[in-house]
Amino acid sequence: MELNNNPTDRQIEVLSLRAQNVSWSEIACRLGISIGTARNHAQHARIRGEVRLTRREEEVCGFVQLGFPDDEIATRLNTSARTVELHRQRVFRKLQVANHAQLASKLYLQEISELNKRIEELEQIVNEQAAEIQRFENDLR
């Protein structure tokens, strides 16, 4: 099965709106989606941990992750290709990657880690609710 690595129109739209300083809630309203979905479309902005990217670095990172060349990123962000190149270099340095493939891999692994943490949280909630249901059933007897 071949994977489609092309960005969707929705991903591009979310990244473009974020580049215009539009809030997550406003993006969600405009596009008729949840804030979580909007954030998922721009998963590059969810870099956590010790590394801190500027808003502009996050925007550039998102477009780089989607495979856009510097000149097209520059056009979308209304800046120069050289400025985009400098932001990209800083992102690579901060994230300790040497190329686009390493960046995509690092972000993918980070997303998997975040999803695993969320699964653990949900499992705990389910277990707590199951225990509560059991207590309720015992009280009925």
Protein backbone atom coordinates (compact mmCIF):
# COMPACT_ATOMS: atom_id res chain seq x y z
CA MET A 1 0.00 0.00 0.00
CA GLU A 2 1.45 3.34 -1.02
CA LEU A 3 1.25 6.24 1.41
CA ASN A 4 0.07 9.63 0.20
CA ASN A 5 2.44 12.26 1.57
CA ASN A 6 0.78 15.17 -0.21
CA PRO A 7 -0.70 17.79 2.09
CA THR A 8 -4.44 18.16 2.03
CA ASP A 9 -6.10 21.44 1.19
CA ARG A 10 -7.36 21.54 4.78
CA GLN A 11 -3.83 21.20 6.21
CA ILE A 12 -2.62 24.01 3.99
CA GLU A 13 -5.62 26.15 4.93
CA VAL A 14 -5.01 25.65 8.67
CA LEU A 15 -1.30 26.43 8.33
CA SER A 16 -2.07 29.54 6.29
CA LEU A 17 -4.57 30.79 8.87
CA ARG A 18 -2.08 30.18 11.70
CA ALA A 19 0.50 32.14 9.70
CA GLN A 20 -1.98 35.03 9.77
CA ASN A 21 -2.18 34.84 13.60
CA VAL A 22 -5.69 33.40 13.54
CA SER A 23 -6.50 31.66 16.85
CA TRP A 24 -7.27 27.94 17.04
CA SER A 25 -10.88 28.66 18.04
CA GLU A 26 -11.35 31.04 15.12
CA ILE A 27 -9.87 28.50 12.70
CA ALA A 28 -12.23 25.86 14.07
CA CYS A 29 -15.21 28.20 13.62
CA ARG A 30 -14.24 29.26 10.11
CA LEU A 31 -13.67 25.70 8.92
CA GLY A 32 -16.51 24.07 10.85
CA ILE A 33 -14.21 21.67 12.70
CA SER A 34 -13.18 21.15 16.29
CA ILE A 35 -10.17 22.89 17.77
CA GLY A 36 -8.57 19.47 18.20
CA THR A 37 -9.03 18.68 14.54
CA ALA A 38 -7.55 22.04 13.57
CA ARG A 39 -4.55 21.34 15.77
CA ASN A 40 -4.20 17.88 14.25
CA HIS A 41 -4.12 19.44 10.80
CA ALA A 42 -1.23 21.56 11.99
CA GLN A 43 0.49 18.94 14.12
CA HIS A 44 3.83 20.65 13.64
CA ALA A 45 2.72 23.26 16.14
CA ARG A 46 2.53 20.67 18.87
CA ILE A 47 6.25 20.35 19.46
CA ARG A 48 6.68 19.89 23.18
CA GLY A 49 9.37 19.10 25.66
CA GLU A 50 12.62 20.93 26.09
CA VAL A 51 12.63 22.37 22.57
CA ARG A 52 10.82 25.66 22.08
CA LEU A 53 10.14 26.96 18.60
CA THR A 54 8.96 30.44 17.82
CA ARG A 55 5.58 30.79 16.16
CA ARG A 56 7.26 31.47 12.82
CA GLU A 57 9.57 28.48 13.22
CA GLU A 58 6.51 26.32 13.92
CA GLU A 59 4.84 27.61 10.76
CA VAL A 60 7.94 26.96 8.66
CA CYS A 61 8.33 23.54 10.29
CA GLY A 62 4.78 22.62 9.33
CA PHE A 63 5.25 23.55 5.70
CA VAL A 64 8.65 21.80 5.59
CA GLN A 65 7.05 18.68 7.05
CA LEU A 66 4.43 18.81 4.30
CA GLY A 67 7.21 18.93 1.70
CA PHE A 68 6.97 22.54 0.55
CA PRO A 69 10.14 24.13 -0.88
CA ASP A 70 11.48 27.31 0.73
CA ASP A 71 10.29 29.60 -2.07
CA GLU A 72 6.69 28.37 -1.81
CA ILE A 73 6.76 28.61 1.98
CA ALA A 74 8.04 32.17 1.59
CA THR A 75 5.14 33.05 -0.70
CA ARG A 76 2.58 31.54 1.70
CA LEU A 77 4.12 33.32 4.71
CA ASN A 78 4.67 36.58 2.82
CA THR A 79 8.41 36.65 3.47
CA SER A 80 11.63 35.94 1.58
CA ALA A 81 13.00 32.49 0.73
CA ARG A 82 16.20 33.43 2.59
CA THR A 83 14.21 34.17 5.76
CA VAL A 84 12.45 30.81 5.43
CA GLU A 85 15.82 29.12 4.94
CA LEU A 86 17.13 30.71 8.16
CA HIS A 87 14.03 29.62 10.10
CA ARG A 88 14.37 26.11 8.68
CA GLN A 89 18.02 25.94 9.69
CA ARG A 90 17.14 27.02 13.24
CA VAL A 91 14.37 24.39 13.41
CA PHE A 92 16.79 21.70 12.25
CA ARG A 93 19.39 22.83 14.80
CA LYS A 94 16.90 23.04 17.69
CA LEU A 95 15.41 19.64 16.89
CA GLN A 96 18.84 18.18 16.17
CA VAL A 97 17.98 16.91 12.70
CA ALA A 98 19.99 17.19 9.50
CA ASN A 99 17.29 17.01 6.85
CA HIS A 100 13.58 16.92 6.04
CA ALA A 101 13.32 13.14 6.45
CA GLN A 102 14.77 13.26 9.96
CA LEU A 103 12.41 16.11 10.85
CA ALA A 104 9.37 14.16 9.64
CA SER A 105 10.55 11.05 11.48
CA LYS A 106 11.14 12.94 14.73
CA LEU A 107 7.72 14.60 14.59
CA TYR A 108 6.05 11.29 13.72
CA LEU A 109 7.69 9.52 16.67
CA GLN A 110 6.76 12.41 18.94
CA GLU A 111 3.15 12.20 17.81
CA ILE A 112 3.09 8.45 18.50
CA SER A 113 4.46 9.10 21.98
CA GLU A 114 1.77 11.72 22.62
CA LEU A 115 -0.93 9.35 21.36
CA ASN A 116 0.35 6.56 23.62
CA LYS A 117 0.19 8.91 26.61
CA ARG A 118 -3.37 9.84 25.68
CA ILE A 119 -4.33 6.17 25.33
CA GLU A 120 -2.95 5.50 28.83
CA GLU A 121 -4.98 8.42 30.20
CA LEU A 122 -8.15 7.13 28.51
CA GLU A 123 -7.55 3.59 29.76
CA GLN A 124 -7.27 4.94 33.29
CA ILE A 125 -10.56 6.83 32.88
CA VAL A 126 -12.28 3.71 31.53
CA ASN A 127 -10.96 1.63 34.43
CA GLU A 128 -12.14 4.21 36.96
CA GLN A 129 -15.58 4.32 35.37
CA ALA A 130 -15.78 0.52 35.29
CA ALA A 131 -14.93 0.43 39.00
CA GLU A 132 -17.60 3.04 39.68
CA ILE A 133 -20.18 1.04 37.73
CA GLN A 134 -19.21 -2.08 39.70
CA ARG A 135 -19.65 -0.19 42.99
CA PHE A 136 -23.04 1.08 41.82
CA GLU A 137 -24.14 -2.44 40.83
CA ASN A 138 -22.99 -3.77 44.21
CA ASP A 139 -24.96 -1.05 45.99
CA LEU A 140 -28.11 -2.08 44.06
CA ARG A 141 -27.83 -5.67 45.30
